[in-house]
């Protein structure tokens, strides 16, 4: 019994290390440029921006994002988060697990966006007083897709450490859509259903072309299709924003 517990702890440690890209991940060069690519829209289909942020993370990683007021999308404010210059794969659900929140469920969803489709890893995290929905995807120059968290899906359910040990990094722009609502006496299941419906409406107006363009720049690609800029007018990202909550 003790031996099994020690082995489980060791495997969890391996999974955590691998999921962070410290082993088995191909380090990639993040090409400079792309500062003209604006990831954060000034408004989201009529939902006004409440605040925005631009935070320097480790190395070349810069996190940019914004919080938008609850509107006709649904009951929860909409938080959009992007990561520039990230040389590793990154699933936004893991940020909240790292803060001690518990994942209640996790599923892959293919959602219609403003231009095409994207595959999101959708996680539901519950506490006694709130429900949080996190939809994570990673954009390359060609598409926006995501896989379920390796430590949960591959390690817990399949005990497939090979996937963890060989995952590779690529030139991606991680994206997260986060919806949080207090329970307020409502059924948690009803809130989850409302948040999932809200996510579909948010995704339908979400333009991920700038994220794909930035991924192309970071990969050093110069083909016109990959670098086609978004024609919609958007302001430059604020250099002195308020801090975002992660």
Foldseek 3Di string as FASTA:
>chain_A
DVVVVVVVVVVLVLLVCLLVVVAQADFDFFFDDLLPQAQEFCAQVPFHWPFKDWADDPDQKIKIWTWTDDDPLFDWIKIKIKIAPDRFDDWVVVVVVVVVWDWPDWDWDWAAAQPGIAIWTWTWTDDPWKIKIKTKWKAALVGIYDDPRCCPPVCPPPVNCVCSNNDYGALIMMMMMMTMDTCPVPDPVVVVVRVVSSVNVSRHRRDCLSRNLSSCVRRVHDDCSSNPGDPDDGDRGDPDIDDDDD
